[in-house]
Amino acid sequence: MRTILKRAITASLFLLTLTATAQEKGTWKAESKTARSITGDLTLSNEKLMIYFSTVAMARIRGLQPDEIGSVFDVDSNEEGAGSLYRLNIPASRKFAHRNSLCGGEDVEWMVTYVSGKTMQVAFFGNVKVPVFDRAKIAESTNLCGTFTYAK
């Protein structure tokens, strides 16, 4: 009986992970002022991110828990939605819309996404270390490059 329960839980978690990543895929229209002025529209696929006609390889590291999402974005931890942590490498020298970079003079190493309905929020982080998902640490972090909002 325990084996069946363990398999059911594992299968459910796997399906939840697929649903979360499926929500993120596709083309997203820049909605926030920062998204329009820096990245323009985004396109996410399984292993690539396209920003302003530039494609970057990325790897999904894991899904995020509601409290982790709430530490990065101003959302209620009880709100429906899914978030993910991605590893990527966008050099500081790469320029996007209006000749802007994502993180000033720092390379972007991490991307966090949160999708709720037809809205996606994205945060980019510099530094080689994984972001610490704690509201106070994020608030005082110098590694958070910016947050952007997109819509389907």
Protein backbone atom coordinates (compact mmCIF):
# COMPACT_ATOMS: atom_id res chain seq x y z
CA MET A 1 0.00 0.00 0.00
CA ARG A 2 2.82 2.43 0.85
CA THR A 3 4.52 1.69 -2.48
CA ILE A 4 1.37 2.61 -4.38
CA LEU A 5 1.01 5.82 -2.36
CA LYS A 6 4.67 6.76 -2.97
CA ARG A 7 4.27 6.15 -6.70
CA ALA A 8 1.09 8.22 -6.82
CA ILE A 9 2.78 11.12 -5.03
CA THR A 10 5.83 10.92 -7.29
CA ALA A 11 3.64 10.85 -10.41
CA SER A 12 1.62 13.84 -9.16
CA LEU A 13 4.76 15.87 -8.47
CA PHE A 14 6.12 14.99 -11.91
CA LEU A 15 2.90 16.11 -13.61
CA LEU A 16 2.90 19.33 -11.58
CA THR A 17 6.46 20.03 -12.75
CA LEU A 18 5.47 19.48 -16.40
CA THR A 19 2.47 21.81 -16.01
CA ALA A 20 4.64 24.53 -14.45
CA THR A 21 7.19 24.48 -17.24
CA ALA A 22 4.51 24.24 -19.92
CA GLN A 23 2.94 27.46 -18.61
CA GLU A 24 6.21 29.33 -19.10
CA LYS A 25 6.84 28.24 -22.68
CA GLY A 26 5.96 30.47 -25.58
CA THR A 27 6.19 34.12 -26.51
CA TRP A 28 5.47 36.73 -23.87
CA LYS A 29 4.73 40.39 -24.63
CA ALA A 30 6.63 42.96 -22.56
CA GLU A 31 4.15 44.65 -20.20
CA SER A 32 6.11 46.54 -17.55
CA LYS A 33 8.05 49.70 -18.34
CA THR A 34 11.35 47.95 -17.55
CA ALA A 35 10.49 45.01 -19.82
CA ARG A 36 9.57 47.32 -22.70
CA SER A 37 12.70 49.44 -22.28
CA ILE A 38 15.25 46.64 -21.73
CA THR A 39 14.19 43.21 -23.00
CA GLY A 40 11.23 43.67 -25.29
CA ASP A 41 9.21 40.49 -25.76
CA LEU A 42 10.55 37.13 -24.52
CA THR A 43 10.26 33.62 -25.91
CA LEU A 44 10.93 30.59 -23.71
CA SER A 45 11.37 27.05 -24.99
CA ASN A 46 12.69 23.90 -23.32
CA GLU A 47 16.33 24.95 -23.33
CA LYS A 48 16.43 28.46 -24.80
CA LEU A 49 15.47 31.99 -23.95
CA MET A 50 15.12 34.55 -26.70
CA ILE A 51 15.47 38.20 -25.70
CA TYR A 52 15.42 40.95 -28.30
CA PHE A 53 16.50 38.70 -31.20
CA SER A 54 19.26 37.11 -29.10
CA THR A 55 19.08 33.44 -28.06
CA VAL A 56 20.61 32.16 -24.83
CA ALA A 57 20.88 28.56 -23.64
CA MET A 58 19.26 27.90 -20.27
CA ALA A 59 18.56 24.96 -17.98
CA ARG A 60 15.65 24.61 -15.60
CA ILE A 61 17.08 23.78 -12.19
CA ARG A 62 13.88 23.29 -10.20
CA GLY A 63 10.43 24.50 -9.39
CA LEU A 64 9.95 27.03 -6.61
CA GLN A 65 7.79 26.85 -3.51
CA PRO A 66 5.19 29.63 -2.92
CA ASP A 67 7.26 31.25 -0.13
CA GLU A 68 10.32 31.31 -2.43
CA ILE A 69 8.28 33.00 -5.17
CA GLY A 70 6.97 35.51 -2.62
CA SER A 71 10.52 36.41 -1.62
CA VAL A 72 11.31 37.60 -5.15
CA PHE A 73 7.99 38.95 -6.43
CA ASP A 74 5.26 40.94 -4.74
CA VAL A 75 2.68 38.15 -4.79
CA ASP A 76 0.52 36.46 -2.19
CA SER A 77 1.97 33.03 -1.35
CA ASN A 78 -1.58 31.60 -1.52
CA GLU A 79 -2.10 32.83 -5.10
CA GLU A 80 -2.34 30.23 -7.88
CA GLY A 81 0.73 30.04 -10.05
CA ALA A 82 4.04 28.31 -10.58
CA GLY A 83 7.63 29.42 -10.53
CA SER A 84 10.98 28.08 -11.68
CA LEU A 85 14.68 28.70 -11.22
CA TYR A 86 16.84 28.65 -14.36
CA ARG A 87 20.60 28.69 -14.88
CA LEU A 88 21.92 30.70 -17.83
CA ASN A 89 24.79 32.96 -18.80
CA ILE A 90 24.17 36.37 -20.34
CA PRO A 91 27.37 38.41 -20.56
CA ALA A 92 27.28 41.98 -19.28
CA SER A 93 28.47 43.08 -22.73
CA ARG A 94 25.27 41.83 -24.39
CA LYS A 95 22.93 44.72 -25.15
CA PHE A 96 19.20 44.52 -25.76
CA ALA A 97 16.49 47.10 -26.47
CA HIS A 98 17.69 50.71 -26.45
CA ARG A 99 21.28 49.41 -25.97
CA ASN A 100 20.51 48.34 -22.39
CA SER A 101 22.09 45.42 -20.56
CA LEU A 102 20.23 43.30 -18.02
CA CYS A 103 22.53 43.81 -15.05
CA GLY A 104 24.80 46.75 -15.70
CA GLY A 105 28.40 45.54 -15.70
CA GLU A 106 27.60 42.12 -14.23
CA ASP A 107 26.91 38.85 -16.08
CA VAL A 108 23.44 37.34 -15.52
CA GLU A 109 23.67 33.80 -14.15
CA TRP A 110 20.16 33.04 -12.86
CA MET A 111 16.57 33.64 -13.93
CA VAL A 112 13.46 33.17 -11.80
CA THR A 113 10.01 33.00 -13.38
CA TYR A 114 6.51 33.12 -11.92
CA VAL A 115 3.45 32.47 -14.06
CA SER A 116 -0.08 33.18 -12.90
CA GLY A 117 -2.83 33.06 -15.49
CA LYS A 118 -1.69 35.01 -18.54
CA THR A 119 1.01 36.97 -16.70
CA MET A 120 4.64 36.04 -16.19
CA GLN A 121 7.08 37.83 -13.92
CA VAL A 122 10.81 37.35 -14.45
CA ALA A 123 13.75 38.28 -12.23
CA PHE A 124 17.37 38.15 -13.35
CA PHE A 125 20.28 37.67 -10.94
CA GLY A 126 23.99 38.14 -11.31
CA ASN A 127 26.62 36.17 -9.38
CA VAL A 128 27.65 32.54 -9.61
CA LYS A 129 25.92 31.55 -6.37
CA VAL A 130 22.31 30.39 -6.35
CA PRO A 131 19.98 33.16 -5.11
CA VAL A 132 18.87 32.76 -1.49
CA PHE A 133 15.08 32.82 -1.49
CA ASP A 134 14.49 34.79 1.68
CA ARG A 135 12.54 38.07 1.55
CA ALA A 136 15.08 40.00 3.69
CA LYS A 137 18.10 38.63 1.78
CA ILE A 138 16.51 39.43 -1.60
CA ALA A 139 15.63 42.96 -0.41
CA GLU A 140 19.25 43.69 0.54
CA SER A 141 20.79 41.70 -2.33
CA THR A 142 23.00 43.43 -4.86
CA ASN A 143 22.65 40.39 -7.15
CA LEU A 144 19.04 41.07 -8.17
CA CYS A 145 19.39 42.79 -11.53
CA GLY A 146 15.73 43.56 -12.08
CA THR A 147 12.19 42.26 -12.32
CA PHE A 148 10.08 42.35 -15.46
CA THR A 149 6.43 41.63 -16.27
CA TYR A 150 5.11 39.96 -19.44
CA ALA A 151 1.69 38.87 -20.71
CA LYS A 152 0.32 36.33 -23.20
